[in-house]
Protein backbone atom coordinates (compact mmCIF):
# COMPACT_ATOMS: atom_id res chain seq x y z
CA MET A 1 24.90 -83.32 118.71
CA ASP A 2 22.77 -80.64 120.37
CA ALA A 3 21.59 -81.81 123.81
CA CYS A 4 20.98 -78.30 125.16
CA PRO A 5 17.60 -77.88 126.88
CA SER A 6 15.02 -75.81 125.03
CA PRO A 7 14.18 -73.28 126.27
CA GLY A 8 17.62 -72.93 127.86
CA PRO A 9 17.57 -72.12 131.60
CA ARG A 10 20.47 -70.51 133.45
CA ARG A 11 22.86 -72.31 135.81
CA PRO A 12 22.41 -74.54 137.76
CA TYR A 13 19.21 -75.64 136.00
CA ASN A 14 21.07 -76.37 132.75
CA PHE A 15 23.40 -78.93 134.34
CA PHE A 16 21.81 -81.86 132.47
CA GLY A 17 21.38 -82.04 128.72
CA ILE A 18 18.50 -83.85 127.07
CA LEU A 19 17.98 -85.95 123.93
CA ASP A 20 14.45 -87.25 123.30
CA ASP A 21 13.41 -90.00 120.89
CA GLU A 22 13.09 -87.56 118.00
CA ASP A 23 16.63 -86.30 118.64
CA LEU A 24 17.96 -89.86 118.76
CA ASP A 25 16.20 -90.65 115.48
CA ALA A 26 17.97 -87.68 113.88
CA LEU A 27 21.34 -88.76 115.31
CA ASN A 28 20.80 -92.30 114.05
CA SER A 29 20.13 -90.94 110.56
CA MET A 30 23.37 -88.95 110.74
CA ALA A 31 25.28 -92.05 111.84
CA LEU A 32 23.84 -94.07 108.94
CA GLU A 33 24.80 -91.34 106.46
CA ALA A 34 28.37 -91.47 107.78
CA THR A 35 28.85 -95.22 107.37
CA SER A 36 30.65 -94.70 104.04
CA SER A 37 33.20 -92.41 105.71
CA ASN A 38 36.49 -93.67 107.11
CA HIS A 39 35.68 -92.37 110.57
CA THR A 40 33.12 -90.43 112.59
CA ILE A 41 33.77 -87.98 115.42
CA TRP A 42 30.86 -86.64 117.46
CA LEU A 43 30.87 -83.12 118.88
CA SER A 44 28.61 -81.81 121.65
CA HIS A 45 28.61 -79.48 124.62
CA TYR A 46 27.47 -82.16 127.08
CA PRO A 47 29.35 -85.40 127.82
CA SER A 48 27.14 -88.48 127.47
CA SER A 49 27.15 -89.05 131.26
CA ILE A 50 25.26 -85.76 131.78
CA ILE A 51 22.62 -86.25 129.07
CA ASN A 52 19.11 -87.30 130.05
CA THR A 53 18.33 -89.87 127.36
CA ASP A 54 18.13 -93.55 126.48
CA HIS A 55 21.82 -94.22 127.15
CA GLN A 56 21.90 -97.68 125.61
CA ARG A 57 20.44 -96.38 122.37
CA LEU A 58 22.83 -93.41 122.35
CA ARG A 59 25.82 -95.73 122.88
CA ASN A 60 24.62 -97.93 120.02
CA ILE A 61 24.33 -94.93 117.70
CA MET A 62 27.84 -93.74 118.55
CA SER A 63 29.42 -97.21 118.77
CA SER A 64 31.34 -97.13 115.48
CA SER A 65 32.79 -93.65 116.00
CA LEU A 66 36.35 -92.86 117.03
CA ALA A 67 35.56 -90.21 119.59
CA HIS A 68 33.05 -87.93 121.24
CA VAL A 69 34.55 -84.51 122.00
CA CYS A 70 32.71 -82.40 124.54
CA GLY A 71 32.86 -79.82 127.32
CA HIS A 72 30.47 -78.71 130.09
CA LEU A 73 32.31 -80.40 132.96
CA HIS A 74 35.64 -79.28 131.45
CA THR A 75 38.22 -79.93 134.23
CA LEU A 76 35.90 -79.70 137.26
CA GLY A 77 37.54 -76.47 138.33
CA GLY A 78 41.03 -77.86 137.77
CA PHE A 79 40.55 -81.03 139.87
CA VAL A 80 40.55 -83.28 136.76
CA PRO A 81 42.76 -81.51 134.19
CA ASN A 82 42.58 -84.36 131.63
CA MET A 83 39.05 -85.70 131.76
CA TYR A 84 39.24 -88.43 129.16
CA GLY A 85 37.55 -91.83 129.08
CA ARG A 86 37.24 -94.91 126.93
CA GLN A 87 33.69 -96.18 126.51
CA PRO A 88 33.07 -99.96 126.75
CA GLY A 89 32.86 -100.24 122.95
CA GLY A 90 36.25 -98.58 122.58
CA ARG A 91 35.19 -95.04 121.65
CA LEU A 92 37.07 -92.18 123.31
CA GLU A 93 35.16 -89.47 125.17
CA LEU A 94 37.28 -86.35 125.55
CA GLU A 95 36.34 -83.36 127.71
CA LEU A 96 38.16 -80.10 127.02
CA GLY A 97 39.08 -77.36 129.48
CA ASP A 98 36.94 -74.27 128.92
CA PHE A 99 38.05 -71.36 126.76
CA ARG A 100 36.44 -68.61 128.84
CA PHE A 101 38.61 -69.05 131.92
CA MET A 102 41.38 -71.51 130.99
CA LYS A 103 41.81 -70.43 127.33
CA MET A 104 42.09 -74.05 126.16
CA TYR A 105 41.54 -75.30 122.62
CA ARG A 106 42.01 -78.67 120.95
CA ILE A 107 43.85 -79.78 117.83
CA LEU A 108 42.70 -83.03 116.23
CA ALA A 109 44.67 -84.80 113.51
CA LEU A 110 44.00 -87.94 111.50
CA ASP A 111 47.21 -89.56 110.25
CA HIS A 112 46.58 -92.60 108.02
CA ASP A 113 43.21 -93.01 109.81
CA LEU A 114 44.69 -92.84 113.35
CA LEU A 115 43.37 -90.08 115.58
CA SER A 116 45.72 -87.91 117.66
CA PHE A 117 44.99 -84.73 119.57
CA ALA A 118 46.55 -82.05 121.76
CA ASP A 119 44.84 -79.72 124.22
CA VAL A 120 46.65 -76.40 124.08
CA GLU A 121 46.54 -73.20 126.10
CA LEU A 122 46.00 -70.10 123.98
CA GLY A 123 49.32 -68.32 123.46
CA GLN A 124 51.50 -71.40 123.99
CA TRP A 125 54.00 -71.64 121.15
CA PRO A 126 55.12 -73.69 119.39
CA VAL A 127 52.27 -76.19 119.22
CA VAL A 128 53.56 -79.77 118.94
CA LEU A 129 51.57 -82.91 118.11
CA VAL A 130 53.17 -86.29 117.38
CA THR A 131 50.83 -88.16 115.02
CA ASN A 132 53.01 -91.23 114.39
CA PRO A 133 53.64 -93.22 116.53
CA LYS A 134 50.36 -92.48 118.26
CA ASP A 135 50.06 -92.07 122.04
CA ALA A 136 49.29 -95.47 123.62
CA LEU A 137 46.84 -93.76 126.00
CA TYR A 138 44.44 -93.23 123.12
CA LEU A 139 45.01 -96.26 120.91
CA LEU A 140 41.78 -97.72 119.50
CA PRO A 141 42.71 -101.15 118.11
CA SER A 142 39.06 -102.04 117.51
CA HIS A 143 38.40 -98.81 115.56
CA GLU A 144 41.72 -97.84 113.94
CA PRO A 145 44.22 -99.59 111.62
CA THR A 146 46.97 -99.63 114.26
CA ASP A 147 49.05 -101.96 112.07
CA ARG A 148 49.88 -98.87 109.99
CA ILE A 149 52.15 -97.69 112.82
CA ARG A 150 54.13 -100.93 112.50
CA GLN A 151 54.30 -100.49 108.72
CA SER A 152 55.28 -96.81 108.76
CA SER A 153 58.61 -95.49 107.50
CA HIS A 154 58.73 -92.18 109.38
CA ILE A 155 57.96 -90.55 112.70
CA ARG A 156 55.54 -87.74 111.88
CA ILE A 157 55.10 -84.51 113.83
CA LEU A 158 52.96 -81.41 113.46
CA ALA A 159 54.68 -78.28 114.77
CA PHE A 160 53.73 -74.69 114.09
CA SER A 161 54.03 -71.17 115.42
CA PRO A 162 53.15 -67.70 114.06
CA TYR A 163 56.87 -66.92 114.38
CA GLY A 164 57.98 -69.85 112.26
CA ILE A 165 59.67 -73.06 113.44
CA SER A 166 63.46 -73.00 113.69
CA SER A 167 64.06 -76.59 114.80
CA VAL A 168 62.33 -79.84 115.74
CA LYS A 169 64.25 -82.51 117.66
CA VAL A 170 63.19 -86.04 118.52
CA TRP A 171 64.33 -88.34 121.32
CA VAL A 172 63.39 -92.00 121.06
CA GLY A 173 65.09 -95.26 122.01
CA GLY A 174 68.02 -93.42 123.60
CA ARG A 175 68.75 -91.53 120.38
CA SER A 176 68.57 -87.83 119.57
CA LEU A 177 67.37 -87.04 116.03
CA VAL A 178 66.66 -83.91 114.02
CA ALA A 179 63.35 -83.81 112.14
CA GLN A 180 63.17 -82.57 108.56
CA HIS A 181 60.56 -80.08 107.38
CA VAL A 182 58.33 -81.63 104.73
CA GLY A 183 55.89 -78.77 104.22
CA GLY A 184 53.35 -76.71 106.14
CA GLY A 185 53.49 -77.88 109.74
CA LEU A 186 54.70 -81.42 108.95
CA TYR A 187 58.10 -82.70 110.12
CA THR A 188 59.39 -86.25 109.76
CA VAL A 189 62.23 -88.53 110.88
CA PRO A 190 62.99 -91.92 109.25
CA TRP A 191 62.66 -94.85 111.65
CA ASP A 192 62.52 -98.64 111.83
CA PRO A 193 59.40 -99.72 113.76
CA ALA A 194 60.93 -103.19 114.28
CA ASP A 195 63.24 -101.62 116.89
CA TYR A 196 60.16 -101.00 119.08
CA ALA A 197 58.10 -104.11 118.32
CA HIS A 198 57.19 -105.08 121.89
CA GLY A 199 55.93 -103.21 124.95
CA LEU A 200 55.88 -99.50 125.70
CA HIS A 201 58.45 -96.97 124.55
CA LYS A 202 58.81 -93.22 125.10
CA ILE A 203 59.07 -90.55 122.44
CA SER A 204 59.78 -86.87 123.15
CA VAL A 205 59.69 -84.01 120.67
CA GLY A 206 61.01 -80.53 121.28
CA ALA A 207 60.29 -77.62 118.95
CA GLU A 208 61.64 -74.07 118.96
CA ASP A 209 60.48 -71.05 116.99
CA PHE A 210 62.36 -68.02 115.69
CA ALA A 211 61.11 -65.92 118.62
CA GLY A 212 62.92 -68.21 121.07
CA HIS A 213 59.80 -69.98 122.37
CA SER A 214 60.15 -73.72 122.94
CA HIS A 215 57.80 -76.55 123.81
CA LYS A 216 58.35 -80.25 124.46
CA ALA A 217 55.76 -83.03 124.13
CA SER A 218 56.24 -86.64 125.30
CA HIS A 219 54.19 -89.79 125.31
CA LEU A 220 54.40 -93.57 125.48
CA PHE A 221 53.71 -95.62 122.37
CA SER A 222 53.41 -99.29 121.50
CA LEU A 223 53.39 -101.28 118.28
CA ASP A 224 51.80 -104.40 119.75
CA ASP A 225 48.62 -102.56 120.85
CA THR A 226 49.68 -102.39 124.50
CA LEU A 227 47.42 -99.77 126.07
CA VAL A 228 48.18 -97.30 128.84
CA PRO A 229 45.19 -97.06 131.24
CA LEU A 230 43.45 -93.72 131.49
CA GLN A 231 43.10 -91.93 134.83
CA THR A 232 40.61 -93.79 137.05
CA LEU A 233 38.74 -90.71 138.31
CA SER A 234 38.31 -89.17 134.89
CA GLU A 235 37.02 -92.45 133.44
CA TRP A 236 34.59 -92.86 136.33
CA ILE A 237 33.15 -89.40 135.66
CA ILE A 238 32.93 -90.02 131.93
CA LEU A 239 31.32 -93.47 132.28
CA THR A 240 28.90 -92.80 135.16
CA ASP A 241 25.23 -92.17 134.35
CA PHE A 242 24.70 -89.15 136.62
CA ARG A 243 21.02 -88.96 135.73
CA ALA A 244 20.55 -92.42 137.27
CA LEU A 245 22.57 -91.39 140.36
CA VAL A 246 20.34 -88.37 140.93
CA LYS A 247 17.24 -90.56 140.68
CA HIS A 248 18.72 -93.43 142.71
CA PRO A 249 21.44 -92.15 145.10
CA SER A 250 21.84 -95.65 146.56
CA LEU A 251 23.67 -96.64 143.34
CA VAL A 252 26.75 -94.65 144.42
């Protein structure tokens, strides 16, 4: 989704993106073409809150998608390191820290049609992403088959490093477990989801590579679709129509 102004001015005049009616028509055609796909993920430089457009029409076009991944605001100079939001229809909007200064990149994974992601600093090894059970912060019960977590037989983890992975350990429900390598970057541990049927639970995964680097990732998960609220400030930034605020400052 290209909302960059044309011609493209320099900062600060390129703060707002723009999508005119012709652009929205093209995006709508793309959305219609994707209806036969399991999921849709939109990618753009600008978050929707900074695009000068018909916001209601844009939201309608993107309504069935899982996520909109974007940049531009990044982390607001480090003040909002995880600028993520959930749009009213359920879609995630996920800013990413910039690569130029912060050297951040994002890994996205779809595991049985459930989206997981990790934002990683370049040079951090090993990279660890738990894909099942999914992080309750980013559950999308209205868009994803979350019942597949309850029906799953294994905890699933992606872990990789250019030096090779020497071990992957899992801590969940007060137990310490060793994950088995299935192939590529996939590691699994058998589990019984019924042990975690209600409320929130914590899972932690630690991986070590043959160069002695280690990394640990943790999150809360739920099997009854209990959600963890996203950060208030980041959601406010993601959901606010800044174009309207500039035109009508009294709306603040």
